[in-house]
Amino acid sequence: MNKDQIIVALQRRGFDAFWAQHKEDALQMLLDGITSGSSVGWGGSVTLNQVGVKEALQQRGDVKLLNRDEAIDAADKHRIQVATFGCDYYLMSTSVLTVDGLLVNIDGMGNRLAALMYGPRVVYVVAGVNKICANETEALDRVRNMAAPANVKRLERDTPCAASGRCHDCLVDDCICSHIVITRRAWVPKRIRVILVNETLGI
């Protein structure tokens, strides 16, 4: 893997792109990039949990957190998720990114991808090198046949892929594959900031 090639490919598409050798470096980049007094929200992400950014921001205490993890019920969680569309910083990972700089994502409800595409002033995307794929075809295969089955198991959903480990293109109620979005460029230059971490993170 040529990290410089991937960083340049992301930058060519209008993303801001950074390389972090370790997850602790990625955490420091996030904390340095999020300004005091700003509002911060996030989508569901194993990667963010592993980096520890949510706990670090809570300890910092100088930002307004739109914390969906503290919602008291489904209605409150929905209210918080909608509020994140107007936040200063939105944090997420990506299902896959390609060597030539595409972000490829699969999502159930779509709130995470809606925020990626429009709304928050800045979106930070943190991804481990395990999520890099050679091209769009390989990326789509990974999100369907690796990431989605692993996530439905983690979320204890009842889908065919949870049992088989392979996509069945299902339409069951527990399906988490409602939206597949390929982000090929940033509409607002450098609004989307990708931190690529030289570790295995997320699913």
N, C-alpha and C. Protein backbone atom coordinates (compact mmCIF):
# COMPACT_ATOMS: atom_id res chain seq x y z
N MET A 1 0.84 -1.20 0.00
CA MET A 1 0.00 0.00 0.00
C MET A 1 0.87 1.25 0.00
N ASN A 2 0.57 2.15 -0.89
CA ASN A 2 1.28 3.43 -0.95
C ASN A 2 0.41 4.50 -0.30
N LYS A 3 0.73 4.83 0.95
CA LYS A 3 -0.11 5.78 1.68
C LYS A 3 -0.13 7.14 1.02
N ASP A 4 1.00 7.57 0.47
CA ASP A 4 1.05 8.87 -0.18
C ASP A 4 0.13 8.92 -1.40
N GLN A 5 0.04 7.81 -2.12
CA GLN A 5 -0.85 7.74 -3.28
C GLN A 5 -2.30 7.91 -2.87
N ILE A 6 -2.69 7.28 -1.76
CA ILE A 6 -4.07 7.38 -1.30
C ILE A 6 -4.38 8.79 -0.81
N ILE A 7 -3.46 9.38 -0.06
CA ILE A 7 -3.66 10.75 0.44
C ILE A 7 -3.82 11.71 -0.73
N VAL A 8 -2.98 11.59 -1.73
CA VAL A 8 -3.06 12.46 -2.91
C VAL A 8 -4.38 12.24 -3.64
N ALA A 9 -4.82 10.98 -3.75
CA ALA A 9 -6.08 10.68 -4.44
C ALA A 9 -7.26 11.32 -3.71
N LEU A 10 -7.25 11.26 -2.39
CA LEU A 10 -8.32 11.90 -1.61
C LEU A 10 -8.28 13.41 -1.79
N GLN A 11 -7.11 14.00 -1.74
CA GLN A 11 -6.99 15.44 -1.90
C GLN A 11 -7.43 15.89 -3.29
N ARG A 12 -7.14 15.08 -4.30
CA ARG A 12 -7.53 15.42 -5.67
C ARG A 12 -9.05 15.50 -5.80
N ARG A 13 -9.76 14.76 -4.95
CA ARG A 13 -11.22 14.75 -4.98
C ARG A 13 -11.82 15.82 -4.06
N GLY A 14 -10.98 16.65 -3.48
CA GLY A 14 -11.48 17.76 -2.67
C GLY A 14 -11.57 17.48 -1.18
N PHE A 15 -11.19 16.25 -0.77
CA PHE A 15 -11.17 15.94 0.65
C PHE A 15 -9.89 16.49 1.27
N ASP A 16 -9.95 16.83 2.55
CA ASP A 16 -8.74 17.05 3.31
C ASP A 16 -8.31 15.66 3.80
N ALA A 17 -7.06 15.34 3.75
CA ALA A 17 -6.64 13.97 4.06
C ALA A 17 -5.37 13.97 4.89
N PHE A 18 -5.35 13.08 5.88
CA PHE A 18 -4.24 13.03 6.83
C PHE A 18 -3.88 11.57 7.11
N TRP A 19 -2.63 11.34 7.43
CA TRP A 19 -2.14 10.03 7.80
C TRP A 19 -1.79 10.02 9.28
N ALA A 20 -2.31 9.04 10.01
CA ALA A 20 -1.98 8.86 11.42
C ALA A 20 -1.34 7.49 11.60
N GLN A 21 -0.19 7.46 12.21
CA GLN A 21 0.51 6.18 12.38
C GLN A 21 -0.20 5.28 13.39
N HIS A 22 -0.78 5.90 14.42
CA HIS A 22 -1.47 5.14 15.47
C HIS A 22 -2.80 5.81 15.79
N LYS A 23 -3.70 5.06 16.44
CA LYS A 23 -5.01 5.62 16.78
C LYS A 23 -4.87 6.79 17.76
N GLU A 24 -3.83 6.76 18.60
CA GLU A 24 -3.60 7.87 19.51
C GLU A 24 -3.26 9.15 18.74
N ASP A 25 -2.56 9.00 17.62
CA ASP A 25 -2.26 10.15 16.77
C ASP A 25 -3.55 10.69 16.13
N ALA A 26 -4.42 9.77 15.71
CA ALA A 26 -5.70 10.18 15.13
C ALA A 26 -6.54 10.93 16.16
N LEU A 27 -6.54 10.44 17.39
CA LEU A 27 -7.28 11.10 18.46
C LEU A 27 -6.78 12.52 18.66
N GLN A 28 -5.47 12.69 18.68
CA GLN A 28 -4.90 14.04 18.88
C GLN A 28 -5.26 14.95 17.72
N MET A 29 -5.26 14.42 16.50
CA MET A 29 -5.67 15.23 15.33
C MET A 29 -7.10 15.71 15.48
N LEU A 30 -7.97 14.82 15.95
CA LEU A 30 -9.37 15.21 16.15
C LEU A 30 -9.49 16.28 17.22
N LEU A 31 -8.83 16.07 18.34
CA LEU A 31 -8.94 17.04 19.44
C LEU A 31 -8.34 18.39 19.05
N ASP A 32 -7.27 18.37 18.29
CA ASP A 32 -6.66 19.63 17.83
C ASP A 32 -7.55 20.33 16.80
N GLY A 33 -8.27 19.56 16.02
CA GLY A 33 -9.08 20.14 14.94
C GLY A 33 -10.44 20.65 15.37
N ILE A 34 -10.94 20.19 16.51
CA ILE A 34 -12.26 20.59 17.00
C ILE A 34 -12.08 21.78 17.95
N THR A 35 -12.61 22.91 17.57
CA THR A 35 -12.37 24.15 18.31
C THR A 35 -13.27 24.28 19.54
N SER A 36 -12.77 24.97 20.52
CA SER A 36 -13.51 25.22 21.74
C SER A 36 -14.81 25.97 21.44
N GLY A 37 -15.89 25.59 22.12
CA GLY A 37 -17.18 26.24 21.95
C GLY A 37 -18.02 25.71 20.82
N SER A 38 -17.49 24.75 20.07
CA SER A 38 -18.21 24.21 18.93
C SER A 38 -19.15 23.08 19.35
N SER A 39 -20.04 22.69 18.42
CA SER A 39 -20.95 21.57 18.66
C SER A 39 -20.46 20.36 17.87
N VAL A 40 -20.59 19.18 18.50
CA VAL A 40 -20.05 17.95 17.91
C VAL A 40 -21.07 16.83 18.02
N GLY A 41 -21.27 16.13 16.90
CA GLY A 41 -22.12 14.94 16.89
C GLY A 41 -21.40 13.81 16.19
N TRP A 42 -22.00 12.63 16.20
CA TRP A 42 -21.36 11.49 15.55
C TRP A 42 -22.39 10.44 15.15
N GLY A 43 -21.95 9.57 14.26
CA GLY A 43 -22.74 8.42 13.88
C GLY A 43 -22.22 7.19 14.60
N GLY A 44 -23.00 6.11 14.51
CA GLY A 44 -22.55 4.86 15.11
C GLY A 44 -21.26 4.39 14.46
N SER A 45 -20.26 4.03 15.27
CA SER A 45 -18.97 3.67 14.70
C SER A 45 -18.12 2.90 15.69
N VAL A 46 -17.75 1.68 15.34
CA VAL A 46 -16.81 0.91 16.15
C VAL A 46 -15.45 1.61 16.15
N THR A 47 -15.07 2.17 15.01
CA THR A 47 -13.78 2.86 14.89
C THR A 47 -13.67 4.01 15.88
N LEU A 48 -14.69 4.86 15.95
CA LEU A 48 -14.65 5.99 16.89
C LEU A 48 -14.55 5.50 18.32
N ASN A 49 -15.23 4.39 18.64
CA ASN A 49 -15.14 3.84 19.98
C ASN A 49 -13.72 3.39 20.28
N GLN A 50 -13.07 2.77 19.30
CA GLN A 50 -11.70 2.29 19.50
C GLN A 50 -10.70 3.44 19.63
N VAL A 51 -10.94 4.52 18.92
CA VAL A 51 -10.07 5.69 19.00
C VAL A 51 -10.24 6.41 20.34
N GLY A 52 -11.46 6.36 20.90
CA GLY A 52 -11.70 6.98 22.21
C GLY A 52 -12.04 8.45 22.17
N VAL A 53 -12.48 8.94 21.02
CA VAL A 53 -12.71 10.37 20.88
C VAL A 53 -13.91 10.87 21.67
N LYS A 54 -14.94 10.07 21.80
CA LYS A 54 -16.13 10.53 22.52
C LYS A 54 -15.81 10.77 23.99
N GLU A 55 -15.13 9.85 24.59
CA GLU A 55 -14.75 10.02 26.00
C GLU A 55 -13.80 11.20 26.18
N ALA A 56 -12.88 11.38 25.23
CA ALA A 56 -11.92 12.48 25.32
C ALA A 56 -12.63 13.83 25.22
N LEU A 57 -13.63 13.91 24.36
CA LEU A 57 -14.38 15.17 24.23
C LEU A 57 -15.22 15.44 25.48
N GLN A 58 -15.76 14.40 26.08
CA GLN A 58 -16.52 14.58 27.32
C GLN A 58 -15.62 15.09 28.43
N GLN A 59 -14.40 14.59 28.49
CA GLN A 59 -13.45 15.02 29.51
C GLN A 59 -12.97 16.44 29.25
N ARG A 60 -12.88 16.81 27.96
CA ARG A 60 -12.42 18.15 27.62
C ARG A 60 -13.40 19.21 28.12
N GLY A 61 -14.67 18.98 27.91
CA GLY A 61 -15.69 19.81 28.52
C GLY A 61 -15.93 21.17 27.92
N ASP A 62 -15.26 21.51 26.81
CA ASP A 62 -15.43 22.86 26.25
C ASP A 62 -16.18 22.84 24.92
N VAL A 63 -16.87 21.74 24.63
CA VAL A 63 -17.67 21.64 23.41
C VAL A 63 -19.06 21.14 23.78
N LYS A 64 -20.02 21.45 22.92
CA LYS A 64 -21.39 20.98 23.11
C LYS A 64 -21.54 19.65 22.38
N LEU A 65 -21.80 18.58 23.12
CA LEU A 65 -21.92 17.26 22.53
C LEU A 65 -23.37 16.92 22.24
N LEU A 66 -23.64 16.55 21.00
CA LEU A 66 -24.95 16.03 20.62
C LEU A 66 -24.81 14.51 20.68
N ASN A 67 -25.00 13.98 21.88
CA ASN A 67 -24.61 12.61 22.20
C ASN A 67 -25.79 11.66 22.06
N ARG A 68 -25.89 11.00 20.92
CA ARG A 68 -26.97 10.05 20.67
C ARG A 68 -26.90 8.85 21.60
N ASP A 69 -25.71 8.59 22.15
CA ASP A 69 -25.54 7.44 23.04
C ASP A 69 -26.24 7.64 24.38
N GLU A 70 -26.60 8.89 24.69
CA GLU A 70 -27.26 9.17 25.95
C GLU A 70 -28.76 9.40 25.80
N ALA A 71 -29.30 9.08 24.63
CA ALA A 71 -30.74 9.26 24.38
C ALA A 71 -31.55 8.37 25.33
N ILE A 72 -32.67 8.91 25.81
CA ILE A 72 -33.48 8.17 26.78
C ILE A 72 -34.47 7.22 26.10
N ASP A 73 -34.78 7.49 24.84
CA ASP A 73 -35.66 6.60 24.09
C ASP A 73 -35.47 6.87 22.60
N ALA A 74 -36.23 6.16 21.76
CA ALA A 74 -36.07 6.28 20.31
C ALA A 74 -36.38 7.69 19.82
N ALA A 75 -37.38 8.32 20.41
CA ALA A 75 -37.74 9.68 19.99
C ALA A 75 -36.63 10.67 20.32
N ASP A 76 -36.02 10.52 21.48
CA ASP A 76 -34.92 11.40 21.87
C ASP A 76 -33.70 11.16 20.98
N LYS A 77 -33.44 9.92 20.64
CA LYS A 77 -32.32 9.61 19.75
C LYS A 77 -32.54 10.25 18.38
N HIS A 78 -33.78 10.18 17.89
CA HIS A 78 -34.09 10.81 16.60
C HIS A 78 -33.88 12.32 16.67
N ARG A 79 -34.31 12.94 17.75
CA ARG A 79 -34.14 14.39 17.93
C ARG A 79 -32.67 14.77 17.88
N ILE A 80 -31.84 14.00 18.56
CA ILE A 80 -30.40 14.28 18.60
C ILE A 80 -29.78 14.08 17.22
N GLN A 81 -30.17 13.01 16.54
CA GLN A 81 -29.62 12.75 15.21
C GLN A 81 -29.98 13.86 14.23
N VAL A 82 -31.19 14.35 14.29
CA VAL A 82 -31.60 15.46 13.41
C VAL A 82 -30.81 16.72 13.77
N ALA A 83 -30.59 16.94 15.06
CA ALA A 83 -29.85 18.13 15.49
C ALA A 83 -28.41 18.11 14.99
N THR A 84 -27.84 16.92 14.79
CA THR A 84 -26.45 16.85 14.34
C THR A 84 -26.27 17.39 12.93
N PHE A 85 -27.35 17.48 12.15
CA PHE A 85 -27.22 18.00 10.79
C PHE A 85 -26.80 19.46 10.78
N GLY A 86 -26.97 20.13 11.91
CA GLY A 86 -26.56 21.53 12.00
C GLY A 86 -25.34 21.75 12.87
N CYS A 87 -24.62 20.70 13.22
CA CYS A 87 -23.50 20.85 14.14
C CYS A 87 -22.24 21.35 13.42
N ASP A 88 -21.28 21.77 14.20
CA ASP A 88 -20.01 22.25 13.63
C ASP A 88 -19.14 21.10 13.13
N TYR A 89 -19.09 20.02 13.91
CA TYR A 89 -18.25 18.88 13.55
C TYR A 89 -19.05 17.59 13.69
N TYR A 90 -18.99 16.78 12.66
CA TYR A 90 -19.63 15.46 12.69
C TYR A 90 -18.55 14.41 12.53
N LEU A 91 -18.58 13.39 13.38
CA LEU A 91 -17.55 12.35 13.39
C LEU A 91 -18.16 11.02 12.92
N MET A 92 -17.42 10.30 12.10
CA MET A 92 -17.89 9.02 11.59
C MET A 92 -16.71 8.23 11.06
N SER A 93 -16.98 7.00 10.66
CA SER A 93 -16.00 6.25 9.89
C SER A 93 -16.60 6.05 8.50
N THR A 94 -15.97 5.24 7.70
CA THR A 94 -16.50 4.89 6.39
C THR A 94 -16.47 3.38 6.27
N SER A 95 -17.43 2.82 5.55
CA SER A 95 -17.43 1.37 5.38
C SER A 95 -16.17 0.92 4.66
N VAL A 96 -15.81 1.66 3.61
CA VAL A 96 -14.65 1.34 2.79
C VAL A 96 -14.15 2.63 2.16
N LEU A 97 -12.85 2.69 1.85
CA LEU A 97 -12.36 3.70 0.94
C LEU A 97 -11.44 3.01 -0.07
N THR A 98 -11.35 3.58 -1.24
CA THR A 98 -10.57 2.95 -2.30
C THR A 98 -9.24 3.67 -2.49
N VAL A 99 -8.33 2.98 -3.14
CA VAL A 99 -7.00 3.52 -3.39
C VAL A 99 -7.08 4.82 -4.19
N ASP A 100 -8.09 4.93 -5.06
CA ASP A 100 -8.21 6.15 -5.86
C ASP A 100 -9.13 7.19 -5.22
N GLY A 101 -9.45 7.01 -3.92
CA GLY A 101 -10.07 8.09 -3.15
C GLY A 101 -11.57 8.12 -3.04
N LEU A 102 -12.27 7.04 -3.39
CA LEU A 102 -13.71 6.98 -3.19
C LEU A 102 -14.04 6.58 -1.76
N LEU A 103 -15.10 7.17 -1.20
CA LEU A 103 -15.66 6.70 0.06
C LEU A 103 -16.90 5.89 -0.26
N VAL A 104 -16.95 4.65 0.17
CA VAL A 104 -18.07 3.76 -0.14
C VAL A 104 -18.72 3.35 1.18
N ASN A 105 -20.02 3.61 1.30
CA ASN A 105 -20.72 3.38 2.57
C ASN A 105 -22.04 2.67 2.37
N ILE A 106 -22.36 1.84 3.34
CA ILE A 106 -23.66 1.18 3.39
C ILE A 106 -24.29 1.51 4.73
N ASP A 107 -25.59 1.77 4.74
CA ASP A 107 -26.24 2.24 5.96
C ASP A 107 -27.69 1.78 6.00
N GLY A 108 -28.21 1.65 7.20
CA GLY A 108 -29.59 1.23 7.37
C GLY A 108 -30.54 2.41 7.35
N MET A 109 -30.52 3.22 8.40
CA MET A 109 -31.41 4.37 8.50
C MET A 109 -31.00 5.51 7.57
N GLY A 110 -29.69 5.74 7.44
CA GLY A 110 -29.20 6.77 6.54
C GLY A 110 -28.80 8.06 7.19
N ASN A 111 -28.95 8.18 8.52
CA ASN A 111 -28.61 9.44 9.18
C ASN A 111 -27.12 9.77 9.04
N ARG A 112 -26.29 8.75 9.13
CA ARG A 112 -24.83 8.94 9.03
C ARG A 112 -24.46 9.45 7.65
N LEU A 113 -25.05 8.87 6.62
CA LEU A 113 -24.72 9.27 5.26
C LEU A 113 -25.34 10.61 4.90
N ALA A 114 -26.51 10.90 5.47
CA ALA A 114 -27.11 12.21 5.25
C ALA A 114 -26.19 13.31 5.77
N ALA A 115 -25.60 13.09 6.95
CA ALA A 115 -24.68 14.07 7.52
C ALA A 115 -23.40 14.17 6.72
N LEU A 116 -22.93 13.04 6.20
CA LEU A 116 -21.74 13.07 5.35
C LEU A 116 -21.98 13.95 4.13
N MET A 117 -23.14 13.81 3.53
CA MET A 117 -23.41 14.50 2.27
C MET A 117 -23.75 15.97 2.45
N TYR A 118 -24.46 16.32 3.56
CA TYR A 118 -24.93 17.69 3.67
C TYR A 118 -25.27 18.01 5.12
N GLY A 119 -24.94 19.22 5.56
CA GLY A 119 -25.37 19.67 6.87
C GLY A 119 -24.24 20.16 7.75
N PRO A 120 -23.58 19.27 8.49
CA PRO A 120 -22.51 19.70 9.40
C PRO A 120 -21.43 20.49 8.67
N ARG A 121 -20.86 21.45 9.37
CA ARG A 121 -19.85 22.32 8.75
C ARG A 121 -18.61 21.55 8.34
N VAL A 122 -18.18 20.62 9.22
CA VAL A 122 -17.01 19.79 8.95
C VAL A 122 -17.37 18.35 9.30
N VAL A 123 -16.96 17.41 8.46
CA VAL A 123 -17.14 15.99 8.74
C VAL A 123 -15.76 15.34 8.83
N TYR A 124 -15.48 14.72 9.96
CA TYR A 124 -14.26 13.94 10.11
C TYR A 124 -14.59 12.47 9.86
N VAL A 125 -13.85 11.84 8.95
CA VAL A 125 -14.00 10.43 8.65
C VAL A 125 -12.72 9.72 9.07
N VAL A 126 -12.82 8.84 10.06
CA VAL A 126 -11.65 8.12 10.57
C VAL A 126 -11.73 6.67 10.10
N ALA A 127 -10.66 6.16 9.51
CA ALA A 127 -10.68 4.80 8.99
C ALA A 127 -9.34 4.11 9.16
N GLY A 128 -9.38 2.85 9.54
CA GLY A 128 -8.17 2.05 9.60
C GLY A 128 -7.79 1.55 8.21
N VAL A 129 -6.54 1.15 8.05
CA VAL A 129 -6.06 0.72 6.73
C VAL A 129 -6.72 -0.58 6.28
N ASN A 130 -7.33 -1.31 7.21
CA ASN A 130 -8.06 -2.53 6.84
C ASN A 130 -9.26 -2.24 5.94
N LYS A 131 -9.70 -0.98 5.91
CA LYS A 131 -10.87 -0.63 5.10
C LYS A 131 -10.51 -0.17 3.68
N ILE A 132 -9.25 -0.23 3.34
CA ILE A 132 -8.83 0.19 1.99
C ILE A 132 -9.06 -0.94 1.00
N CYS A 133 -9.71 -0.62 -0.12
CA CYS A 133 -9.92 -1.58 -1.20
C CYS A 133 -9.30 -1.04 -2.49
N ALA A 134 -9.02 -1.94 -3.40
CA ALA A 134 -8.33 -1.56 -4.63
C ALA A 134 -9.19 -0.71 -5.55
N ASN A 135 -10.50 -0.98 -5.58
CA ASN A 135 -11.36 -0.29 -6.54
C ASN A 135 -12.81 -0.36 -6.07
N GLU A 136 -13.70 0.25 -6.83
CA GLU A 136 -15.11 0.32 -6.46
C GLU A 136 -15.76 -1.06 -6.40
N THR A 137 -15.42 -1.94 -7.33
CA THR A 137 -16.00 -3.28 -7.34
C THR A 137 -15.64 -4.05 -6.08
N GLU A 138 -14.37 -4.00 -5.71
CA GLU A 138 -13.91 -4.68 -4.50
C GLU A 138 -14.54 -4.04 -3.26
N ALA A 139 -14.71 -2.73 -3.29
CA ALA A 139 -15.30 -2.02 -2.16
C ALA A 139 -16.75 -2.45 -1.94
N LEU A 140 -17.52 -2.53 -3.00
CA LEU A 140 -18.92 -2.94 -2.88
C LEU A 140 -19.03 -4.38 -2.39
N ASP A 141 -18.13 -5.22 -2.83
CA ASP A 141 -18.12 -6.60 -2.35
C ASP A 141 -17.82 -6.64 -0.86
N ARG A 142 -16.89 -5.80 -0.41
CA ARG A 142 -16.53 -5.79 1.01
C ARG A 142 -17.69 -5.31 1.88
N VAL A 143 -18.37 -4.23 1.45
CA VAL A 143 -19.45 -3.72 2.29
C VAL A 143 -20.62 -4.70 2.35
N ARG A 144 -20.88 -5.40 1.26
CA ARG A 144 -22.00 -6.34 1.23
C ARG A 144 -21.68 -7.66 1.94
N ASN A 145 -20.49 -8.17 1.73
CA ASN A 145 -20.19 -9.53 2.15
C ASN A 145 -19.23 -9.66 3.33
N MET A 146 -18.78 -8.52 3.84
CA MET A 146 -17.91 -8.55 5.01
C MET A 146 -18.41 -7.60 6.09
N ALA A 147 -18.52 -6.33 5.76
CA ALA A 147 -18.91 -5.34 6.76
C ALA A 147 -20.35 -5.52 7.23
N ALA A 148 -21.28 -5.65 6.29
CA ALA A 148 -22.70 -5.77 6.67
C ALA A 148 -22.97 -7.02 7.50
N PRO A 149 -22.52 -8.22 7.08
CA PRO A 149 -22.76 -9.40 7.92
C PRO A 149 -22.15 -9.27 9.32
N ALA A 150 -20.96 -8.70 9.41
CA ALA A 150 -20.32 -8.52 10.73
C ALA A 150 -21.12 -7.54 11.59
N ASN A 151 -21.64 -6.50 10.98
CA ASN A 151 -22.39 -5.50 11.74
C ASN A 151 -23.75 -6.02 12.20
N VAL A 152 -24.43 -6.81 11.38
CA VAL A 152 -25.73 -7.34 11.83
C VAL A 152 -25.54 -8.31 13.00
N LYS A 153 -24.44 -9.02 12.99
CA LYS A 153 -24.14 -9.88 14.14
C LYS A 153 -23.89 -9.04 15.38
N ARG A 154 -23.10 -7.98 15.21
CA ARG A 154 -22.80 -7.09 16.35
C ARG A 154 -24.07 -6.46 16.90
N LEU A 155 -25.00 -6.10 16.02
CA LEU A 155 -26.24 -5.45 16.41
C LEU A 155 -27.35 -6.44 16.75
N GLU A 156 -27.04 -7.74 16.61
CA GLU A 156 -27.99 -8.82 16.92
C GLU A 156 -29.26 -8.69 16.09
N ARG A 157 -29.06 -8.46 14.79
CA ARG A 157 -30.18 -8.40 13.86
C ARG A 157 -30.42 -9.77 13.24
N ASP A 158 -31.67 -10.02 12.87
CA ASP A 158 -32.06 -11.30 12.28
C ASP A 158 -32.14 -11.15 10.76
N THR A 159 -31.03 -11.42 10.10
CA THR A 159 -30.97 -11.33 8.64
C THR A 159 -30.33 -12.59 8.08
N PRO A 160 -30.56 -12.89 6.80
CA PRO A 160 -29.91 -14.06 6.19
C PRO A 160 -28.38 -13.99 6.25
N CYS A 161 -27.81 -12.80 6.10
CA CYS A 161 -26.35 -12.70 6.10
C CYS A 161 -25.75 -12.92 7.47
N ALA A 162 -26.54 -12.70 8.52
CA ALA A 162 -26.05 -12.97 9.87
C ALA A 162 -25.75 -14.45 10.05
N ALA A 163 -26.54 -15.28 9.36
CA ALA A 163 -26.36 -16.73 9.46
C ALA A 163 -25.31 -17.25 8.48
N SER A 164 -25.30 -16.69 7.26
CA SER A 164 -24.44 -17.24 6.21
C SER A 164 -23.11 -16.52 6.05
N GLY A 165 -23.06 -15.24 6.47
CA GLY A 165 -21.87 -14.44 6.27
C GLY A 165 -21.74 -13.84 4.89
N ARG A 166 -22.79 -13.99 4.08
CA ARG A 166 -22.78 -13.46 2.71
C ARG A 166 -24.08 -12.71 2.45
N CYS A 167 -24.02 -11.68 1.61
CA CYS A 167 -25.19 -10.89 1.28
C CYS A 167 -26.20 -11.72 0.48
N HIS A 168 -27.48 -11.59 0.85
CA HIS A 168 -28.57 -12.24 0.13
C HIS A 168 -29.46 -11.21 -0.57
N ASP A 169 -29.01 -9.96 -0.59
CA ASP A 169 -29.80 -8.88 -1.18
C ASP A 169 -31.21 -8.88 -0.60
N CYS A 170 -31.29 -9.04 0.71
CA CYS A 170 -32.58 -9.25 1.38
C CYS A 170 -33.33 -7.94 1.59
N LEU A 171 -34.61 -8.10 1.92
CA LEU A 171 -35.47 -6.95 2.23
C LEU A 171 -36.19 -7.16 3.56
N VAL A 172 -35.57 -7.93 4.46
CA VAL A 172 -36.21 -8.20 5.75
C VAL A 172 -36.17 -6.95 6.63
N ASP A 173 -37.02 -6.94 7.65
CA ASP A 173 -37.14 -5.76 8.50
C ASP A 173 -35.83 -5.39 9.19
N ASP A 174 -35.00 -6.37 9.51
CA ASP A 174 -33.76 -6.11 10.24
C ASP A 174 -32.59 -5.75 9.32
N CYS A 175 -32.82 -5.67 8.03
CA CYS A 175 -31.76 -5.34 7.07
C CYS A 175 -31.15 -3.97 7.39
N ILE A 176 -29.83 -3.87 7.34
CA ILE A 176 -29.15 -2.60 7.59
C ILE A 176 -28.57 -2.02 6.29
N CYS A 177 -29.02 -2.53 5.17
CA CYS A 177 -28.47 -2.13 3.87
C CYS A 177 -29.49 -1.36 3.04
N SER A 178 -30.07 -0.32 3.62
CA SER A 178 -31.06 0.48 2.90
C SER A 178 -30.41 1.40 1.88
N HIS A 179 -29.23 1.90 2.20
CA HIS A 179 -28.57 2.90 1.36
C HIS A 179 -27.13 2.50 1.09
N ILE A 180 -26.74 2.53 -0.16
CA ILE A 180 -25.35 2.37 -0.55
C ILE A 180 -24.95 3.66 -1.27
N VAL A 181 -23.97 4.37 -0.70
CA VAL A 181 -23.59 5.69 -1.20
C VAL A 181 -22.11 5.70 -1.54
N ILE A 182 -21.79 6.17 -2.73
CA ILE A 182 -20.41 6.35 -3.15
C ILE A 182 -20.14 7.85 -3.23
N THR A 183 -19.23 8.32 -2.40
CA THR A 183 -18.87 9.73 -2.40
C THR A 183 -17.59 9.88 -3.20
N ARG A 184 -17.70 10.49 -4.36
CA ARG A 184 -16.57 10.55 -5.29
C ARG A 184 -15.82 11.88 -5.24
N ARG A 185 -16.42 12.90 -4.58
CA ARG A 185 -15.72 14.17 -4.42
C ARG A 185 -16.42 14.98 -3.34
N ALA A 186 -15.71 15.95 -2.81
CA ALA A 186 -16.29 16.85 -1.82
C ALA A 186 -16.87 18.07 -2.53
N TRP A 187 -18.15 18.32 -2.33
CA TRP A 187 -18.79 19.49 -2.95
C TRP A 187 -18.18 20.77 -2.41
N VAL A 188 -18.00 20.84 -1.08
CA VAL A 188 -17.30 21.96 -0.45
C VAL A 188 -15.87 21.50 -0.18
N PRO A 189 -14.88 22.08 -0.83
CA PRO A 189 -13.50 21.62 -0.65
C PRO A 189 -13.07 21.58 0.81
N LYS A 190 -12.51 20.46 1.21
CA LYS A 190 -11.94 20.22 2.54
C LYS A 190 -12.98 20.18 3.66
N ARG A 191 -14.28 20.19 3.31
CA ARG A 191 -15.30 20.01 4.35
C ARG A 191 -15.20 18.61 4.96
N ILE A 192 -14.94 17.61 4.14
CA ILE A 192 -14.77 16.24 4.60
C ILE A 192 -13.28 15.99 4.83
N ARG A 193 -12.93 15.69 6.08
CA ARG A 193 -11.54 15.48 6.46
C ARG A 193 -11.33 14.01 6.81
N VAL A 194 -10.54 13.34 6.01
CA VAL A 194 -10.31 11.90 6.18
C VAL A 194 -9.01 11.68 6.93
N ILE A 195 -9.10 10.96 8.05
CA ILE A 195 -7.91 10.56 8.80
C ILE A 195 -7.73 9.06 8.61
N LEU A 196 -6.70 8.69 7.89
CA LEU A 196 -6.39 7.29 7.62
C LEU A 196 -5.37 6.81 8.65
N VAL A 197 -5.72 5.77 9.39
CA VAL A 197 -4.90 5.31 10.50
C VAL A 197 -4.22 3.99 10.15
N ASN A 198 -2.95 3.91 10.39
CA ASN A 198 -2.14 2.73 10.05
C ASN A 198 -2.33 1.61 11.07
N GLU A 199 -3.62 1.29 11.32
CA GLU A 199 -3.97 0.21 12.23
C GLU A 199 -5.25 -0.45 11.70
N THR A 200 -5.55 -1.64 12.23
CA THR A 200 -6.82 -2.28 11.95
C THR A 200 -7.86 -1.74 12.93
N LEU A 201 -8.86 -1.05 12.38
CA LEU A 201 -9.90 -0.43 13.21
C LEU A 201 -11.26 -0.71 12.58
N GLY A 202 -12.25 -0.88 13.44
CA GLY A 202 -13.62 -1.03 12.94
C GLY A 202 -13.84 -2.38 12.29
N ILE A 203 -14.94 -2.42 11.53
CA ILE A 203 -15.37 -3.66 10.87
C ILE A 203 -15.30 -3.49 9.37
